[in-house]
Amino acid sequence: MRKRIAAAVFVGALALTPGLASAQESDASLEELIVNMAHTPADHAALAKYYRQKATEARAEASSHESMSRSYGGGKMAQRQQMEDHCKKLSTQNAAMAAEYEALAKLHEEDAKKPQ
């Protein structure tokens, strides 16, 4: 049951970023398969490590977009505001995705601690 919840959370996290879900559809299928195949504490520890790395990457992307949102200057006010809003939205989405990856990592860390 927890594995299915984890897979659903993962797919939901991918759906937060437009284009990312379709660009990584085959990766999502592979990751779902790996999650469903994880049985040993070592399997779950490896998945936890993987999801921690994905969270780190998503936080870096969020930070990058946050920085970009502050860098727009000049140009027409409406265009500048649209670009700022765009970057802030992507920053927020990536931060949410990082939180989802952290939650998945925590689930797998807990599973890794359980005896077989």
Protein backbone atom coordinates (compact mmCIF):
# COMPACT_ATOMS: atom_id res chain seq x y z
CA MET A 1 0.00 0.00 0.00
CA ARG A 2 2.78 2.45 0.95
CA LYS A 3 4.57 1.65 -2.29
CA ARG A 4 1.51 2.55 -4.30
CA ILE A 5 1.09 5.77 -2.33
CA ALA A 6 4.75 6.60 -2.90
CA ALA A 7 4.37 5.95 -6.62
CA ALA A 8 1.24 8.12 -6.74
CA VAL A 9 3.00 10.93 -4.89
CA PHE A 10 5.91 10.68 -7.30
CA VAL A 11 3.68 10.86 -10.36
CA GLY A 12 1.83 13.79 -8.78
CA ALA A 13 5.10 15.59 -8.20
CA LEU A 14 6.04 15.15 -11.85
CA ALA A 15 2.69 16.57 -12.88
CA LEU A 16 3.44 19.81 -11.02
CA THR A 17 5.93 20.88 -13.67
CA PRO A 18 4.35 21.26 -17.13
CA GLY A 19 6.33 19.48 -19.80
CA LEU A 20 8.44 17.60 -17.28
CA ALA A 21 5.91 14.83 -16.91
CA SER A 22 5.71 14.18 -20.64
CA ALA A 23 9.45 14.63 -21.15
CA GLN A 24 10.18 12.04 -18.47
CA GLU A 25 7.27 9.70 -19.04
CA SER A 26 9.52 6.72 -19.72
CA ASP A 27 11.63 7.61 -16.67
CA ALA A 28 8.48 7.76 -14.55
CA SER A 29 7.50 4.28 -15.71
CA LEU A 30 10.98 2.99 -14.94
CA GLU A 31 11.00 4.62 -11.52
CA GLU A 32 7.55 3.24 -10.72
CA LEU A 33 8.79 -0.22 -11.66
CA ILE A 34 11.86 0.18 -9.45
CA VAL A 35 9.74 1.39 -6.53
CA ASN A 36 7.46 -1.61 -6.92
CA MET A 37 10.45 -3.95 -7.07
CA ALA A 38 12.08 -2.57 -3.92
CA HIS A 39 11.95 -5.23 -1.24
CA THR A 40 15.16 -5.16 0.76
CA PRO A 41 16.39 -2.47 3.13
CA ALA A 42 19.23 -1.82 0.67
CA ASP A 43 16.72 -1.28 -2.15
CA HIS A 44 14.82 1.25 -0.06
CA ALA A 45 18.03 2.97 1.09
CA ALA A 46 19.09 3.34 -2.54
CA LEU A 47 15.71 4.81 -3.46
CA ALA A 48 15.88 7.20 -0.50
CA LYS A 49 19.30 8.38 -1.69
CA TYR A 50 17.97 8.80 -5.24
CA TYR A 51 14.99 10.86 -4.07
CA ARG A 52 17.20 13.03 -1.85
CA GLN A 53 19.30 13.81 -4.93
CA LYS A 54 16.16 14.63 -6.95
CA ALA A 55 15.05 16.95 -4.12
CA THR A 56 18.44 18.69 -4.18
CA GLU A 57 18.16 19.18 -7.95
CA ALA A 58 14.61 20.54 -7.64
CA ARG A 59 15.70 22.99 -4.90
CA ALA A 60 18.57 24.18 -7.11
CA GLU A 61 16.14 24.73 -9.98
CA ALA A 62 13.79 26.62 -7.64
CA SER A 63 16.66 28.80 -6.48
CA SER A 64 17.73 29.48 -10.05
CA HIS A 65 14.26 30.62 -11.05
CA GLU A 66 13.92 32.71 -7.92
CA SER A 67 17.16 34.49 -8.84
CA MET A 68 15.98 35.00 -12.40
CA SER A 69 12.72 36.51 -11.17
CA ARG A 70 14.71 39.23 -9.41
CA SER A 71 16.99 39.91 -12.37
CA TYR A 72 14.48 41.21 -14.88
CA GLY A 73 14.91 44.90 -15.55
CA GLY A 74 14.18 47.30 -18.35
CA GLY A 75 11.72 46.55 -21.09
CA LYS A 76 8.01 47.09 -20.89
CA MET A 77 6.54 46.81 -17.43
CA ALA A 78 3.94 44.22 -18.51
CA GLN A 79 6.56 41.95 -20.09
CA ARG A 80 8.86 42.28 -17.11
CA GLN A 81 6.02 41.41 -14.73
CA GLN A 82 5.07 38.39 -16.86
CA MET A 83 8.65 37.10 -16.78
CA GLU A 84 8.93 37.68 -13.04
CA ASP A 85 5.64 35.87 -12.47
CA HIS A 86 6.76 33.03 -14.74
CA CYS A 87 10.00 32.51 -12.81
CA LYS A 88 8.30 32.77 -9.43
CA LYS A 89 5.75 30.17 -10.51
CA LEU A 90 8.48 27.79 -11.64
CA SER A 91 10.36 28.41 -8.41
CA THR A 92 7.27 27.56 -6.37
CA GLN A 93 6.57 24.44 -8.42
CA ASN A 94 10.15 23.20 -8.08
CA ALA A 95 10.12 23.87 -4.33
CA ALA A 96 6.92 21.82 -4.06
CA MET A 97 8.49 19.05 -6.11
CA ALA A 98 11.53 19.07 -3.80
CA ALA A 99 9.21 18.64 -0.82
CA GLU A 100 7.52 15.68 -2.53
CA TYR A 101 10.89 14.06 -3.26
CA GLU A 102 11.90 14.56 0.37
CA ALA A 103 8.67 12.87 1.47
CA LEU A 104 9.41 9.92 -0.81
CA ALA A 105 12.95 9.71 0.51
CA LYS A 106 11.60 9.64 4.07
CA LEU A 107 9.17 6.84 3.23
CA HIS A 108 11.98 4.75 1.77
CA GLU A 109 14.27 5.52 4.69
CA GLU A 110 11.59 4.22 7.03
CA ASP A 111 11.17 1.10 4.88
CA ALA A 112 14.95 0.60 4.87
CA LYS A 113 14.92 0.45 8.68
CA LYS A 114 12.28 -2.27 8.82
CA PRO A 115 13.45 -5.86 9.21
CA GLN A 116 12.73 -8.10 6.27
